[in-house]
Amino acid sequence: MLTNDNFSSQQNGDKISNSSNDSHPILNSTVSSNSKRDWVLLNVGGKHFMTTRSTLSKEESFLCRLCQYEPDLKTDVDDKGAYLIDRDPNYFNVVLNYLRHGKLILETNLVEEGVLEEAEFYNIRPLIDLVKERIRERDRRKYNDCTTNRVYRVIQCQEKEVTQLMSSLSDGWKFEQLIGHSPVGSSYMYPEGEFLCIVSKQYDRGTREDNNTSVSERVKILQERGSRM
């Protein structure tokens, strides 16, 4: 109850505590508490990962349900309060980074099939589609490498013909190496000497090219010779 004494005390300069100032510690505590609740600690295969709920909630997945406290999703926690997930931590790092920035980045010791297994377990549909496409591209490249063969040819030409030869390459032929050709037994180059130009072209393995084997052997010998000059 407010009395005259209360009013007189206020008029005489007595201060009443400001409720807004008193609430600052409470507000700070609330903000700090909310900030902590936004972070999630996961224990995947014995390795801890710290991330935010917003990251885990980017896609409709097991991880999204995990951080939304769904009662029908039974999960255990360790002594640090981290959600226990019995999966490979190395591949989970790839999954988590995908949720963070939307890119699939693999270390050299990891394979696409491993990521696919984890993506299917966590039910992250966009990542599943991305990994399957990556696998198709990889297998397509392997198939192309197995069904093609590079054929080499050695063209002998004069010095003045080198420029014209380079500019006239077509039909898939690619310049590989130019080797100066001096007379047998001589280690000197002659101004008007001859050159051996090595060119190559990629063929399907079913395409036949005359003397491919002998040409390839000659190319190896000439390239070794050129590297010593």
C-alpha atoms as a PDB file:
ATOM      1  CA  MET A   1       0.000   0.000   0.000  1.00  0.00           C
ATOM      2  CA  LEU A   2       1.252   3.478  -0.867  1.00  0.00           C
ATOM      3  CA  THR A   3       1.077   6.083   2.067  1.00  0.00           C
ATOM      4  CA  ASN A   4       1.798   9.765   2.428  1.00  0.00           C
ATOM      5  CA  ASP A   5       5.113   8.859   3.994  1.00  0.00           C
ATOM      6  CA  ASN A   6       5.979   7.013   0.815  1.00  0.00           C
ATOM      7  CA  PHE A   7       5.151  10.020  -1.313  1.00  0.00           C
ATOM      8  CA  SER A   8       7.067  12.394   0.966  1.00  0.00           C
ATOM      9  CA  SER A   9      10.081  10.185   0.852  1.00  0.00           C
ATOM     10  CA  GLN A  10       9.998  10.327  -2.945  1.00  0.00           C
ATOM     11  CA  GLN A  11       9.606  14.110  -2.890  1.00  0.00           C
ATOM     12  CA  ASN A  12      12.601  14.437  -0.522  1.00  0.00           C
ATOM     13  CA  GLY A  13      14.786  12.762  -3.100  1.00  0.00           C
ATOM     14  CA  ASP A  14      14.673   9.190  -1.888  1.00  0.00           C
ATOM     15  CA  LYS A  15      15.154   6.858  -4.854  1.00  0.00           C
ATOM     16  CA  ILE A  16      13.054   3.883  -5.677  1.00  0.00           C
ATOM     17  CA  SER A  17      14.946   1.078  -7.315  1.00  0.00           C
ATOM     18  CA  ASN A  18      14.487   0.949 -11.087  1.00  0.00           C
ATOM     19  CA  SER A  19      12.841  -2.304 -12.019  1.00  0.00           C
ATOM     20  CA  SER A  20      14.377  -2.174 -15.500  1.00  0.00           C
ATOM     21  CA  ASN A  21      17.877  -1.952 -14.041  1.00  0.00           C
ATOM     22  CA  ASP A  22      17.202  -4.798 -11.647  1.00  0.00           C
ATOM     23  CA  SER A  23      16.117  -6.958 -14.548  1.00  0.00           C
ATOM     24  CA  HIS A  24      19.437  -6.694 -16.415  1.00  0.00           C
ATOM     25  CA  PRO A  25      21.015  -9.705 -14.674  1.00  0.00           C
ATOM     26  CA  ILE A  26      17.906 -11.711 -15.432  1.00  0.00           C
ATOM     27  CA  LEU A  27      17.932 -10.632 -19.078  1.00  0.00           C
ATOM     28  CA  ASN A  28      21.608 -11.427 -19.391  1.00  0.00           C
ATOM     29  CA  SER A  29      21.017 -14.817 -17.841  1.00  0.00           C
ATOM     30  CA  THR A  30      18.127 -15.452 -20.233  1.00  0.00           C
ATOM     31  CA  VAL A  31      20.171 -14.446 -23.284  1.00  0.00           C
ATOM     32  CA  SER A  32      23.041 -16.626 -22.122  1.00  0.00           C
ATOM     33  CA  SER A  33      20.663 -19.525 -21.528  1.00  0.00           C
ATOM     34  CA  ASN A  34      19.068 -19.116 -24.957  1.00  0.00           C
ATOM     35  CA  SER A  35      22.495 -18.925 -26.556  1.00  0.00           C
ATOM     36  CA  LYS A  36      23.511 -22.173 -24.893  1.00  0.00           C
ATOM     37  CA  ARG A  37      20.303 -23.873 -25.979  1.00  0.00           C
ATOM     38  CA  ASP A  38      21.055 -22.945 -29.602  1.00  0.00           C
ATOM     39  CA  TRP A  39      24.181 -25.118 -29.534  1.00  0.00           C
ATOM     40  CA  VAL A  40      24.086 -28.894 -29.739  1.00  0.00           C
ATOM     41  CA  LEU A  41      26.790 -31.341 -28.681  1.00  0.00           C
ATOM     42  CA  LEU A  42      26.957 -34.641 -30.542  1.00  0.00           C
ATOM     43  CA  ASN A  43      29.024 -37.712 -29.787  1.00  0.00           C
ATOM     44  CA  VAL A  44      29.474 -39.566 -33.075  1.00  0.00           C
ATOM     45  CA  GLY A  45      31.479 -42.760 -32.777  1.00  0.00           C
ATOM     46  CA  GLY A  46      33.314 -41.421 -29.730  1.00  0.00           C
ATOM     47  CA  LYS A  47      34.193 -38.032 -31.257  1.00  0.00           C
ATOM     48  CA  HIS A  48      32.450 -34.847 -30.125  1.00  0.00           C
ATOM     49  CA  PHE A  49      31.008 -32.303 -32.564  1.00  0.00           C
ATOM     50  CA  MET A  50      29.597 -28.916 -31.591  1.00  0.00           C
ATOM     51  CA  THR A  51      27.156 -27.199 -33.935  1.00  0.00           C
ATOM     52  CA  THR A  52      23.989 -25.113 -33.899  1.00  0.00           C
ATOM     53  CA  ARG A  53      20.378 -26.205 -34.091  1.00  0.00           C
ATOM     54  CA  SER A  54      19.895 -24.004 -37.129  1.00  0.00           C
ATOM     55  CA  THR A  55      22.608 -25.962 -38.961  1.00  0.00           C
ATOM     56  CA  LEU A  56      21.081 -29.325 -38.090  1.00  0.00           C
ATOM     57  CA  SER A  57      17.616 -28.063 -39.031  1.00  0.00           C
ATOM     58  CA  LYS A  58      18.503 -26.971 -42.578  1.00  0.00           C
ATOM     59  CA  GLU A  59      17.188 -30.237 -44.008  1.00  0.00           C
ATOM     60  CA  GLU A  60      14.351 -32.489 -42.867  1.00  0.00           C
ATOM     61  CA  SER A  61      16.396 -35.331 -41.422  1.00  0.00           C
ATOM     62  CA  PHE A  62      17.162 -37.435 -38.379  1.00  0.00           C
ATOM     63  CA  LEU A  63      19.469 -34.670 -37.140  1.00  0.00           C
ATOM     64  CA  CYS A  64      16.689 -32.108 -37.477  1.00  0.00           C
ATOM     65  CA  ARG A  65      14.363 -34.269 -35.375  1.00  0.00           C
ATOM     66  CA  LEU A  66      17.128 -34.864 -32.857  1.00  0.00           C
ATOM     67  CA  CYS A  67      17.477 -31.187 -31.951  1.00  0.00           C
ATOM     68  CA  GLN A  68      13.724 -30.595 -31.793  1.00  0.00           C
ATOM     69  CA  TYR A  69      13.189 -32.868 -28.778  1.00  0.00           C
ATOM     70  CA  GLU A  70      10.733 -35.197 -30.477  1.00  0.00           C
ATOM     71  CA  PRO A  71       9.456 -37.558 -27.752  1.00  0.00           C
ATOM     72  CA  ASP A  72       9.201 -40.574 -30.068  1.00  0.00           C
ATOM     73  CA  LEU A  73      12.878 -40.286 -31.017  1.00  0.00           C
ATOM     74  CA  LYS A  74      14.770 -42.273 -28.400  1.00  0.00           C
ATOM     75  CA  THR A  75      18.339 -41.058 -27.907  1.00  0.00           C
ATOM     76  CA  ASP A  76      21.004 -41.536 -25.263  1.00  0.00           C
ATOM     77  CA  VAL A  77      23.496 -38.969 -24.005  1.00  0.00           C
ATOM     78  CA  ASP A  78      27.002 -39.326 -22.593  1.00  0.00           C
ATOM     79  CA  ASP A  79      28.354 -37.846 -19.372  1.00  0.00           C
ATOM     80  CA  LYS A  80      28.803 -34.476 -21.107  1.00  0.00           C
ATOM     81  CA  GLY A  81      25.207 -34.382 -22.266  1.00  0.00           C
ATOM     82  CA  ALA A  82      26.122 -35.081 -25.893  1.00  0.00           C
ATOM     83  CA  TYR A  83      23.711 -37.076 -28.035  1.00  0.00           C
ATOM     84  CA  LEU A  84      25.201 -40.503 -28.747  1.00  0.00           C
ATOM     85  CA  ILE A  85      25.218 -41.583 -32.405  1.00  0.00           C
ATOM     86  CA  ASP A  86      26.882 -44.854 -33.371  1.00  0.00           C
ATOM     87  CA  ARG A  87      28.255 -43.832 -36.776  1.00  0.00           C
ATOM     88  CA  ASP A  88      31.616 -43.101 -38.421  1.00  0.00           C
ATOM     89  CA  PRO A  89      32.910 -39.704 -37.201  1.00  0.00           C
ATOM     90  CA  ASN A  90      35.088 -39.170 -40.285  1.00  0.00           C
ATOM     91  CA  TYR A  91      32.124 -39.310 -42.627  1.00  0.00           C
ATOM     92  CA  PHE A  92      29.932 -37.376 -40.211  1.00  0.00           C
ATOM     93  CA  ASN A  93      32.362 -34.477 -40.571  1.00  0.00           C
ATOM     94  CA  VAL A  94      31.568 -34.453 -44.311  1.00  0.00           C
ATOM     95  CA  VAL A  95      27.829 -34.539 -43.586  1.00  0.00           C
ATOM     96  CA  LEU A  96      28.062 -31.717 -41.055  1.00  0.00           C
ATOM     97  CA  ASN A  97      30.099 -29.530 -43.399  1.00  0.00           C
ATOM     98  CA  TYR A  98      27.514 -30.105 -46.125  1.00  0.00           C
ATOM     99  CA  LEU A  99      24.791 -28.846 -43.790  1.00  0.00           C
ATOM    100  CA  ARG A 100      26.934 -25.819 -42.996  1.00  0.00           C
ATOM    101  CA  HIS A 101      27.762 -24.638 -46.520  1.00  0.00           C
ATOM    102  CA  GLY A 102      25.972 -26.933 -48.968  1.00  0.00           C
ATOM    103  CA  LYS A 103      29.131 -28.333 -50.580  1.00  0.00           C
ATOM    104  CA  LEU A 104      30.386 -31.904 -50.740  1.00  0.00           C
ATOM    105  CA  ILE A 105      34.091 -31.946 -49.861  1.00  0.00           C
ATOM    106  CA  LEU A 106      35.904 -35.267 -49.467  1.00  0.00           C
ATOM    107  CA  GLU A 107      39.314 -35.907 -47.975  1.00  0.00           C
ATOM    108  CA  THR A 108      41.614 -38.196 -49.941  1.00  0.00           C
ATOM    109  CA  ASN A 109      41.004 -41.199 -47.664  1.00  0.00           C
ATOM    110  CA  LEU A 110      37.207 -41.036 -48.006  1.00  0.00           C
ATOM    111  CA  VAL A 111      34.985 -42.345 -50.796  1.00  0.00           C
ATOM    112  CA  GLU A 112      31.587 -41.331 -52.108  1.00  0.00           C
ATOM    113  CA  GLU A 113      29.962 -44.627 -51.135  1.00  0.00           C
ATOM    114  CA  GLY A 114      30.810 -43.977 -47.485  1.00  0.00           C
ATOM    115  CA  VAL A 115      29.165 -40.559 -47.608  1.00  0.00           C
ATOM    116  CA  LEU A 116      26.127 -42.101 -49.284  1.00  0.00           C
ATOM    117  CA  GLU A 117      25.738 -44.593 -46.440  1.00  0.00           C
ATOM    118  CA  GLU A 118      25.774 -41.782 -43.872  1.00  0.00           C
ATOM    119  CA  ALA A 119      23.460 -39.538 -45.895  1.00  0.00           C
ATOM    120  CA  GLU A 120      20.933 -42.364 -46.149  1.00  0.00           C
ATOM    121  CA  PHE A 121      21.195 -43.090 -42.419  1.00  0.00           C
ATOM    122  CA  TYR A 122      20.561 -39.441 -41.512  1.00  0.00           C
ATOM    123  CA  ASN A 123      17.955 -39.238 -44.303  1.00  0.00           C
ATOM    124  CA  ILE A 124      19.364 -36.071 -45.883  1.00  0.00           C
ATOM    125  CA  ARG A 125      17.729 -36.243 -49.315  1.00  0.00           C
ATOM    126  CA  PRO A 126      19.621 -33.423 -51.115  1.00  0.00           C
ATOM    127  CA  LEU A 127      22.948 -34.917 -50.026  1.00  0.00           C
ATOM    128  CA  ILE A 128      21.852 -38.384 -51.165  1.00  0.00           C
ATOM    129  CA  ASP A 129      21.054 -37.037 -54.632  1.00  0.00           C
ATOM    130  CA  LEU A 130      24.318 -35.088 -54.796  1.00  0.00           C
ATOM    131  CA  VAL A 131      26.465 -38.081 -53.830  1.00  0.00           C
ATOM    132  CA  LYS A 132      24.718 -40.373 -56.314  1.00  0.00           C
ATOM    133  CA  GLU A 133      25.385 -37.865 -59.090  1.00  0.00           C
ATOM    134  CA  ARG A 134      29.027 -37.624 -58.005  1.00  0.00           C
ATOM    135  CA  ILE A 135      29.331 -41.427 -58.157  1.00  0.00           C
ATOM    136  CA  ARG A 136      27.828 -41.497 -61.654  1.00  0.00           C
ATOM    137  CA  GLU A 137      30.294 -38.869 -62.858  1.00  0.00           C
ATOM    138  CA  ARG A 138      33.224 -40.733 -61.318  1.00  0.00           C
ATOM    139  CA  ASP A 139      32.208 -44.046 -62.898  1.00  0.00           C
ATOM    140  CA  ARG A 140      31.677 -42.320 -66.233  1.00  0.00           C
ATOM    141  CA  ARG A 141      35.207 -40.918 -66.149  1.00  0.00           C
ATOM    142  CA  LYS A 142      36.634 -44.332 -65.275  1.00  0.00           C
ATOM    143  CA  TYR A 143      34.747 -45.889 -68.177  1.00  0.00           C
ATOM    144  CA  ASN A 144      36.045 -43.257 -70.591  1.00  0.00           C
ATOM    145  CA  ASP A 145      39.602 -43.811 -69.380  1.00  0.00           C
ATOM    146  CA  CYS A 146      39.256 -47.557 -69.944  1.00  0.00           C
ATOM    147  CA  THR A 147      37.770 -47.254 -73.426  1.00  0.00           C
ATOM    148  CA  THR A 148      40.206 -44.698 -74.842  1.00  0.00           C
ATOM    149  CA  ASN A 149      43.847 -44.838 -75.810  1.00  0.00           C
ATOM    150  CA  ARG A 150      46.308 -42.080 -76.674  1.00  0.00           C
ATOM    151  CA  VAL A 151      48.203 -42.610 -79.927  1.00  0.00           C
ATOM    152  CA  TYR A 152      51.502 -40.864 -80.655  1.00  0.00           C
ATOM    153  CA  ARG A 153      53.113 -39.882 -83.929  1.00  0.00           C
ATOM    154  CA  VAL A 154      56.559 -38.540 -84.716  1.00  0.00           C
ATOM    155  CA  ILE A 155      56.825 -36.007 -87.525  1.00  0.00           C
ATOM    156  CA  GLN A 156      60.216 -35.084 -88.971  1.00  0.00           C
ATOM    157  CA  CYS A 157      60.459 -31.509 -90.238  1.00  0.00           C
ATOM    158  CA  GLN A 158      62.860 -28.688 -91.033  1.00  0.00           C
ATOM    159  CA  GLU A 159      63.251 -25.736 -88.699  1.00  0.00           C
ATOM    160  CA  LYS A 160      61.347 -23.428 -91.040  1.00  0.00           C
ATOM    161  CA  GLU A 161      58.456 -25.887 -91.141  1.00  0.00           C
ATOM    162  CA  VAL A 162      57.913 -26.099 -87.378  1.00  0.00           C
ATOM    163  CA  THR A 163      55.637 -23.050 -87.125  1.00  0.00           C
ATOM    164  CA  GLN A 164      53.479 -24.173 -90.025  1.00  0.00           C
ATOM    165  CA  LEU A 165      53.228 -27.662 -88.561  1.00  0.00           C
ATOM    166  CA  MET A 166      52.068 -26.336 -85.193  1.00  0.00           C
ATOM    167  CA  SER A 167      49.369 -24.168 -86.731  1.00  0.00           C
ATOM    168  CA  SER A 168      48.095 -26.951 -88.981  1.00  0.00           C
ATOM    169  CA  LEU A 169      47.401 -29.485 -86.227  1.00  0.00           C
ATOM    170  CA  SER A 170      43.726 -30.441 -86.333  1.00  0.00           C
ATOM    171  CA  ASP A 171      41.304 -33.341 -85.997  1.00  0.00           C
ATOM    172  CA  GLY A 172      42.158 -33.833 -82.329  1.00  0.00           C
ATOM    173  CA  TRP A 173      45.940 -33.983 -82.721  1.00  0.00           C
ATOM    174  CA  LYS A 174      47.807 -32.321 -79.863  1.00  0.00           C
ATOM    175  CA  PHE A 175      51.422 -31.149 -79.704  1.00  0.00           C
ATOM    176  CA  GLU A 176      53.497 -32.990 -77.091  1.00  0.00           C
ATOM    177  CA  GLN A 177      57.197 -32.288 -77.589  1.00  0.00           C
ATOM    178  CA  LEU A 178      59.741 -30.864 -80.051  1.00  0.00           C
ATOM    179  CA  ILE A 179      63.175 -32.520 -80.188  1.00  0.00           C
ATOM    180  CA  GLY A 180      66.171 -31.215 -82.088  1.00  0.00           C
ATOM    181  CA  HIS A 181      67.509 -33.835 -84.473  1.00  0.00           C
ATOM    182  CA  SER A 182      71.258 -33.637 -85.166  1.00  0.00           C
ATOM    183  CA  PRO A 183      73.423 -36.041 -87.190  1.00  0.00           C
ATOM    184  CA  VAL A 184      74.359 -39.313 -85.530  1.00  0.00           C
ATOM    185  CA  GLY A 185      77.469 -38.989 -83.369  1.00  0.00           C
ATOM    186  CA  SER A 186      77.212 -35.203 -83.077  1.00  0.00           C
ATOM    187  CA  SER A 187      76.189 -33.385 -79.876  1.00  0.00           C
ATOM    188  CA  TYR A 188      75.768 -30.017 -81.600  1.00  0.00           C
ATOM    189  CA  MET A 189      72.624 -28.482 -83.034  1.00  0.00           C
ATOM    190  CA  TYR A 190      72.734 -27.171 -86.559  1.00  0.00           C
ATOM    191  CA  PRO A 191      70.915 -23.930 -87.490  1.00  0.00           C
ATOM    192  CA  GLU A 192      69.211 -25.581 -90.422  1.00  0.00           C
ATOM    193  CA  GLY A 193      68.935 -28.952 -88.735  1.00  0.00           C
ATOM    194  CA  GLU A 194      65.891 -31.130 -88.521  1.00  0.00           C
ATOM    195  CA  PHE A 195      63.379 -31.466 -85.707  1.00  0.00           C
ATOM    196  CA  LEU A 196      61.251 -34.313 -84.506  1.00  0.00           C
ATOM    197  CA  CYS A 197      57.778 -33.159 -83.516  1.00  0.00           C
ATOM    198  CA  ILE A 198      55.799 -35.510 -81.283  1.00  0.00           C
ATOM    199  CA  VAL A 199      52.009 -35.221 -81.464  1.00  0.00           C
ATOM    200  CA  SER A 200      49.251 -37.313 -79.922  1.00  0.00           C
ATOM    201  CA  LYS A 201      45.563 -38.036 -80.326  1.00  0.00           C
ATOM    202  CA  GLN A 202      43.029 -39.832 -78.159  1.00  0.00           C
ATOM    203  CA  TYR A 203      41.207 -42.747 -79.791  1.00  0.00           C
ATOM    204  CA  ASP A 204      38.582 -45.196 -78.682  1.00  0.00           C
ATOM    205  CA  ARG A 205      40.179 -48.561 -78.005  1.00  0.00           C
ATOM    206  CA  GLY A 206      38.051 -50.033 -80.748  1.00  0.00           C
ATOM    207  CA  THR A 207      39.599 -47.690 -83.339  1.00  0.00           C
ATOM    208  CA  ARG A 208      42.568 -49.179 -85.125  1.00  0.00           C
ATOM    209  CA  GLU A 209      45.590 -47.159 -86.048  1.00  0.00           C
ATOM    210  CA  ASP A 210      48.434 -48.561 -88.151  1.00  0.00           C
ATOM    211  CA  ASN A 211      51.702 -49.184 -86.337  1.00  0.00           C
ATOM    212  CA  ASN A 212      50.446 -47.712 -83.065  1.00  0.00           C
ATOM    213  CA  THR A 213      52.661 -49.977 -80.983  1.00  0.00           C
ATOM    214  CA  SER A 214      55.836 -49.229 -82.898  1.00  0.00           C
ATOM    215  CA  VAL A 215      55.106 -45.496 -82.881  1.00  0.00           C
ATOM    216  CA  SER A 216      54.558 -45.488 -79.121  1.00  0.00           C
ATOM    217  CA  GLU A 217      57.888 -47.238 -78.582  1.00  0.00           C
ATOM    218  CA  ARG A 218      59.649 -44.689 -80.789  1.00  0.00           C
ATOM    219  CA  VAL A 219      58.009 -41.869 -78.856  1.00  0.00           C
ATOM    220  CA  LYS A 220      59.292 -43.215 -75.537  1.00  0.00           C
ATOM    221  CA  ILE A 221      62.832 -43.438 -76.890  1.00  0.00           C
ATOM    222  CA  LEU A 222      62.693 -39.934 -78.368  1.00  0.00           C
ATOM    223  CA  GLN A 223      61.215 -38.395 -75.223  1.00  0.00           C
ATOM    224  CA  GLU A 224      63.967 -39.967 -73.117  1.00  0.00           C
ATOM    225  CA  ARG A 225      66.495 -38.620 -75.551  1.00  0.00           C
ATOM    226  CA  GLY A 226      64.923 -35.153 -75.445  1.00  0.00           C
ATOM    227  CA  SER A 227      65.006 -35.052 -71.635  1.00  0.00           C
ATOM    228  CA  ARG A 228      68.773 -35.658 -71.695  1.00  0.00           C
ATOM    229  CA  MET A 229      69.478 -32.849 -74.163  1.00  0.00           C
END
